[in-house]
PDB file of N, CA and C in Angstrom:
ATOM      1  N   MET A   1     -24.802 -10.868   8.468  1.00  0.00           N
ATOM      2  CA  MET A   1     -23.531 -11.250   9.057  1.00  0.00           C
ATOM      3  C   MET A   1     -23.081 -12.623   8.541  1.00  0.00           C
ATOM      4  N   ARG A   2     -24.018 -13.543   8.411  1.00  0.00           N
ATOM      5  CA  ARG A   2     -23.665 -14.872   7.915  1.00  0.00           C
ATOM      6  C   ARG A   2     -23.212 -14.820   6.469  1.00  0.00           C
ATOM      7  N   GLN A   3     -23.839 -13.931   5.686  1.00  0.00           N
ATOM      8  CA  GLN A   3     -23.445 -13.812   4.281  1.00  0.00           C
ATOM      9  C   GLN A   3     -22.006 -13.326   4.175  1.00  0.00           C
ATOM     10  N   LEU A   4     -21.632 -12.384   5.021  1.00  0.00           N
ATOM     11  CA  LEU A   4     -20.264 -11.868   5.011  1.00  0.00           C
ATOM     12  C   LEU A   4     -19.273 -12.970   5.381  1.00  0.00           C
ATOM     13  N   ALA A   5     -19.612 -13.757   6.389  1.00  0.00           N
ATOM     14  CA  ALA A   5     -18.737 -14.867   6.789  1.00  0.00           C
ATOM     15  C   ALA A   5     -18.616 -15.888   5.662  1.00  0.00           C
ATOM     16  N   LYS A   6     -19.718 -16.168   4.977  1.00  0.00           N
ATOM     17  CA  LYS A   6     -19.698 -17.118   3.861  1.00  0.00           C
ATOM     18  C   LYS A   6     -18.835 -16.585   2.726  1.00  0.00           C
ATOM     19  N   LYS A   7     -18.983 -15.300   2.412  1.00  0.00           N
ATOM     20  CA  LYS A   7     -18.170 -14.708   1.341  1.00  0.00           C
ATOM     21  C   LYS A   7     -16.694 -14.768   1.700  1.00  0.00           C
ATOM     22  N   ARG A   8     -16.386 -14.512   2.951  1.00  0.00           N
ATOM     23  CA  ARG A   8     -14.984 -14.568   3.381  1.00  0.00           C
ATOM     24  C   ARG A   8     -14.438 -15.985   3.214  1.00  0.00           C
ATOM     25  N   GLN A   9     -15.214 -16.989   3.602  1.00  0.00           N
ATOM     26  CA  GLN A   9     -14.781 -18.381   3.438  1.00  0.00           C
ATOM     27  C   GLN A   9     -14.583 -18.720   1.966  1.00  0.00           C
ATOM     28  N   ASP A  10     -15.476 -18.206   1.117  1.00  0.00           N
ATOM     29  CA  ASP A  10     -15.349 -18.446  -0.327  1.00  0.00           C
ATOM     30  C   ASP A  10     -14.061 -17.842  -0.871  1.00  0.00           C
ATOM     31  N   VAL A  11     -13.727 -16.638  -0.419  1.00  0.00           N
ATOM     32  CA  VAL A  11     -12.495 -15.981  -0.867  1.00  0.00           C
ATOM     33  C   VAL A  11     -11.279 -16.768  -0.387  1.00  0.00           C
ATOM     34  N   ILE A  12     -11.323 -17.241   0.846  1.00  0.00           N
ATOM     35  CA  ILE A  12     -10.212 -18.035   1.379  1.00  0.00           C
ATOM     36  C   ILE A  12     -10.024 -19.307   0.556  1.00  0.00           C
ATOM     37  N   LYS A  13     -11.126 -19.983   0.228  1.00  0.00           N
ATOM     38  CA  LYS A  13     -11.039 -21.208  -0.583  1.00  0.00           C
ATOM     39  C   LYS A  13     -10.477 -20.908  -1.965  1.00  0.00           C
ATOM     40  N   LEU A  14     -10.915 -19.804  -2.554  1.00  0.00           N
ATOM     41  CA  LEU A  14     -10.410 -19.409  -3.871  1.00  0.00           C
ATOM     42  C   LEU A  14      -8.909 -19.153  -3.807  1.00  0.00           C
ATOM     43  N   CYS A  15      -8.469 -18.423  -2.806  1.00  0.00           N
ATOM     44  CA  CYS A  15      -7.045 -18.113  -2.675  1.00  0.00           C
ATOM     45  C   CYS A  15      -6.228 -19.376  -2.428  1.00  0.00           C
ATOM     46  N   GLU A  16      -6.750 -20.293  -1.626  1.00  0.00           N
ATOM     47  CA  GLU A  16      -6.037 -21.553  -1.394  1.00  0.00           C
ATOM     48  C   GLU A  16      -5.886 -22.340  -2.695  1.00  0.00           C
ATOM     49  N   ALA A  17      -6.948 -22.349  -3.491  1.00  0.00           N
ATOM     50  CA  ALA A  17      -6.879 -23.044  -4.781  1.00  0.00           C
ATOM     51  C   ALA A  17      -5.872 -22.368  -5.704  1.00  0.00           C
ATOM     52  N   LEU A  18      -5.868 -21.041  -5.721  1.00  0.00           N
ATOM     53  CA  LEU A  18      -4.917 -20.312  -6.566  1.00  0.00           C
ATOM     54  C   LEU A  18      -3.480 -20.548  -6.116  1.00  0.00           C
ATOM     55  N   ILE A  19      -3.261 -20.630  -4.816  1.00  0.00           N
ATOM     56  CA  ILE A  19      -1.913 -20.903  -4.311  1.00  0.00           C
ATOM     57  C   ILE A  19      -1.462 -22.292  -4.755  1.00  0.00           C
ATOM     58  N   ASP A  20      -2.385 -23.265  -4.723  1.00  0.00           N
ATOM     59  CA  ASP A  20      -2.057 -24.612  -5.216  1.00  0.00           C
ATOM     60  C   ASP A  20      -1.692 -24.571  -6.697  1.00  0.00           C
ATOM     61  N   ILE A  21      -2.489 -23.847  -7.486  1.00  0.00           N
ATOM     62  CA  ILE A  21      -2.231 -23.729  -8.928  1.00  0.00           C
ATOM     63  C   ILE A  21      -0.906 -23.010  -9.169  1.00  0.00           C
ATOM     64  N   ALA A  22      -0.638 -21.976  -8.377  1.00  0.00           N
ATOM     65  CA  ALA A  22       0.564 -21.168  -8.572  1.00  0.00           C
ATOM     66  C   ALA A  22       1.844 -21.963  -8.349  1.00  0.00           C
ATOM     67  N   SER A  23       1.755 -23.049  -7.608  1.00  0.00           N
ATOM     68  CA  SER A  23       2.953 -23.853  -7.349  1.00  0.00           C
ATOM     69  C   SER A  23       3.272 -24.817  -8.490  1.00  0.00           C
ATOM     70  N   MET A  24       2.399 -24.899  -9.470  1.00  0.00           N
ATOM     71  CA  MET A  24       2.617 -25.795 -10.610  1.00  0.00           C
ATOM     72  C   MET A  24       3.429 -25.101 -11.701  1.00  0.00           C
ATOM     73  N   PRO A  25       4.215 -25.841 -12.462  1.00  0.00           N
ATOM     74  CA  PRO A  25       4.996 -25.235 -13.549  1.00  0.00           C
ATOM     75  C   PRO A  25       4.167 -25.136 -14.834  1.00  0.00           C
ATOM     76  N   SER A  26       3.395 -24.067 -14.964  1.00  0.00           N
ATOM     77  CA  SER A  26       2.579 -23.898 -16.166  1.00  0.00           C
ATOM     78  C   SER A  26       2.258 -22.426 -16.397  1.00  0.00           C
ATOM     79  N   THR A  27       1.692 -22.138 -17.559  1.00  0.00           N
ATOM     80  CA  THR A  27       1.282 -20.768 -17.878  1.00  0.00           C
ATOM     81  C   THR A  27       0.173 -20.319 -16.937  1.00  0.00           C
ATOM     82  N   LEU A  28      -0.740 -21.227 -16.613  1.00  0.00           N
ATOM     83  CA  LEU A  28      -1.814 -20.903 -15.679  1.00  0.00           C
ATOM     84  C   LEU A  28      -1.244 -20.528 -14.315  1.00  0.00           C
ATOM     85  N   ALA A  29      -0.177 -21.193 -13.907  1.00  0.00           N
ATOM     86  CA  ALA A  29       0.457 -20.887 -12.627  1.00  0.00           C
ATOM     87  C   ALA A  29       1.007 -19.467 -12.616  1.00  0.00           C
ATOM     88  N   VAL A  30       1.568 -19.028 -13.733  1.00  0.00           N
ATOM     89  CA  VAL A  30       2.083 -17.658 -13.819  1.00  0.00           C
ATOM     90  C   VAL A  30       0.938 -16.671 -13.624  1.00  0.00           C
ATOM     91  N   SER A  31      -0.201 -16.936 -14.247  1.00  0.00           N
ATOM     92  CA  SER A  31      -1.367 -16.064 -14.086  1.00  0.00           C
ATOM     93  C   SER A  31      -1.848 -16.054 -12.638  1.00  0.00           C
ATOM     94  N   ALA A  32      -1.873 -17.219 -12.006  1.00  0.00           N
ATOM     95  CA  ALA A  32      -2.302 -17.307 -10.610  1.00  0.00           C
ATOM     96  C   ALA A  32      -1.340 -16.548  -9.704  1.00  0.00           C
ATOM     97  N   ARG A  33      -0.035 -16.706  -9.941  1.00  0.00           N
ATOM     98  CA  ARG A  33       0.962 -15.984  -9.129  1.00  0.00           C
ATOM     99  C   ARG A  33       0.823 -14.476  -9.308  1.00  0.00           C
ATOM    100  N   THR A  34       0.599 -14.033 -10.539  1.00  0.00           N
ATOM    101  CA  THR A  34       0.441 -12.604 -10.809  1.00  0.00           C
ATOM    102  C   THR A  34      -0.766 -12.052 -10.065  1.00  0.00           C
ATOM    103  N   PHE A  35      -1.882 -12.775 -10.123  1.00  0.00           N
ATOM    104  CA  PHE A  35      -3.091 -12.340  -9.420  1.00  0.00           C
ATOM    105  C   PHE A  35      -2.862 -12.285  -7.916  1.00  0.00           C
ATOM    106  N   LEU A  36      -2.315 -13.355  -7.354  1.00  0.00           N
ATOM    107  CA  LEU A  36      -2.103 -13.411  -5.912  1.00  0.00           C
ATOM    108  C   LEU A  36      -1.153 -12.316  -5.444  1.00  0.00           C
ATOM    109  N   ASP A  37      -0.100 -12.097  -6.194  1.00  0.00           N
ATOM    110  CA  ASP A  37       0.865 -11.064  -5.835  1.00  0.00           C
ATOM    111  C   ASP A  37       0.187  -9.701  -5.796  1.00  0.00           C
ATOM    112  N   ALA A  38      -0.574  -9.383  -6.828  1.00  0.00           N
ATOM    113  CA  ALA A  38      -1.264  -8.090  -6.885  1.00  0.00           C
ATOM    114  C   ALA A  38      -2.317  -7.988  -5.782  1.00  0.00           C
ATOM    115  N   TYR A  39      -3.063  -9.053  -5.557  1.00  0.00           N
ATOM    116  CA  TYR A  39      -4.134  -9.038  -4.555  1.00  0.00           C
ATOM    117  C   TYR A  39      -3.576  -8.816  -3.156  1.00  0.00           C
ATOM    118  N   PHE A  40      -2.549  -9.558  -2.787  1.00  0.00           N
ATOM    119  CA  PHE A  40      -2.031  -9.442  -1.433  1.00  0.00           C
ATOM    120  C   PHE A  40      -1.224  -8.165  -1.225  1.00  0.00           C
ATOM    121  N   CYS A  41      -0.589  -7.655  -2.271  1.00  0.00           N
ATOM    122  CA  CYS A  41       0.092  -6.363  -2.150  1.00  0.00           C
ATOM    123  C   CYS A  41      -0.933  -5.275  -1.852  1.00  0.00           C
ATOM    124  N   GLN A  42      -2.065  -5.349  -2.538  1.00  0.00           N
ATOM    125  CA  GLN A  42      -3.123  -4.355  -2.357  1.00  0.00           C
ATOM    126  C   GLN A  42      -3.746  -4.482  -0.972  1.00  0.00           C
ATOM    127  N   ARG A  43      -3.922  -5.709  -0.496  1.00  0.00           N
ATOM    128  CA  ARG A  43      -4.616  -5.942   0.771  1.00  0.00           C
ATOM    129  C   ARG A  43      -3.740  -5.655   1.990  1.00  0.00           C
ATOM    130  N   GLY A  44      -2.470  -6.089   1.950  1.00  0.00           N
ATOM    131  CA  GLY A  44      -1.720  -6.005   3.189  1.00  0.00           C
ATOM    132  C   GLY A  44      -0.290  -5.545   3.079  1.00  0.00           C
ATOM    133  N   GLY A  45       0.133  -5.207   1.889  1.00  0.00           N
ATOM    134  CA  GLY A  45       1.506  -4.773   1.747  1.00  0.00           C
ATOM    135  C   GLY A  45       2.489  -5.922   1.861  1.00  0.00           C
ATOM    136  N   ASP A  46       3.754  -5.591   1.929  1.00  0.00           N
ATOM    137  CA  ASP A  46       4.805  -6.610   1.923  1.00  0.00           C
ATOM    138  C   ASP A  46       4.813  -7.483   3.169  1.00  0.00           C
ATOM    139  N   ASP A  47       4.254  -6.974   4.284  1.00  0.00           N
ATOM    140  CA  ASP A  47       4.292  -7.763   5.515  1.00  0.00           C
ATOM    141  C   ASP A  47       2.991  -8.521   5.777  1.00  0.00           C
ATOM    142  N   SER A  48       2.115  -8.599   4.787  1.00  0.00           N
ATOM    143  CA  SER A  48       0.881  -9.367   4.933  1.00  0.00           C
ATOM    144  C   SER A  48       1.223 -10.837   5.169  1.00  0.00           C
ATOM    145  N   PRO A  49       0.597 -11.484   6.162  1.00  0.00           N
ATOM    146  CA  PRO A  49       0.896 -12.902   6.399  1.00  0.00           C
ATOM    147  C   PRO A  49       0.546 -13.770   5.195  1.00  0.00           C
ATOM    148  N   TYR A  50      -0.485 -13.386   4.459  1.00  0.00           N
ATOM    149  CA  TYR A  50      -0.846 -14.150   3.266  1.00  0.00           C
ATOM    150  C   TYR A  50       0.240 -14.011   2.212  1.00  0.00           C
ATOM    151  N   ARG A  51       0.729 -12.814   2.021  1.00  0.00           N
ATOM    152  CA  ARG A  51       1.769 -12.581   1.019  1.00  0.00           C
ATOM    153  C   ARG A  51       3.054 -13.310   1.420  1.00  0.00           C
ATOM    154  N   LEU A  52       3.396 -13.256   2.695  1.00  0.00           N
ATOM    155  CA  LEU A  52       4.603 -13.940   3.155  1.00  0.00           C
ATOM    156  C   LEU A  52       4.476 -15.446   2.951  1.00  0.00           C
ATOM    157  N   ALA A  53       3.297 -15.998   3.219  1.00  0.00           N
ATOM    158  CA  ALA A  53       3.089 -17.435   3.023  1.00  0.00           C
ATOM    159  C   ALA A  53       3.183 -17.784   1.548  1.00  0.00           C
ATOM    160  N   PHE A  54       2.696 -16.896   0.697  1.00  0.00           N
ATOM    161  CA  PHE A  54       2.700 -17.172  -0.733  1.00  0.00           C
ATOM    162  C   PHE A  54       4.106 -17.080  -1.313  1.00  0.00           C
ATOM    163  N   THR A  55       4.891 -16.099  -0.879  1.00  0.00           N
ATOM    164  CA  THR A  55       6.191 -15.868  -1.496  1.00  0.00           C
ATOM    165  C   THR A  55       7.277 -16.793  -0.953  1.00  0.00           C
ATOM    166  N   CYS A  56       7.051 -17.440   0.173  1.00  0.00           N
ATOM    167  CA  CYS A  56       8.087 -18.295   0.762  1.00  0.00           C
ATOM    168  C   CYS A  56       8.277 -19.585   0.010  1.00  0.00           C
TER     169      CYS A  56
END
């Protein structure tokens, strides 16, 4: 159970870092935005709170 919680925290940290990168004007930001868009569409659809936070 602790391993699952740790993995979840790691994923959250990764996504937060990618969101920070995605807000920058660079080629890397485009890659980060593409990944995040695909990931959150797959996970929660258009009404996912993560996707809404990312696209706003």
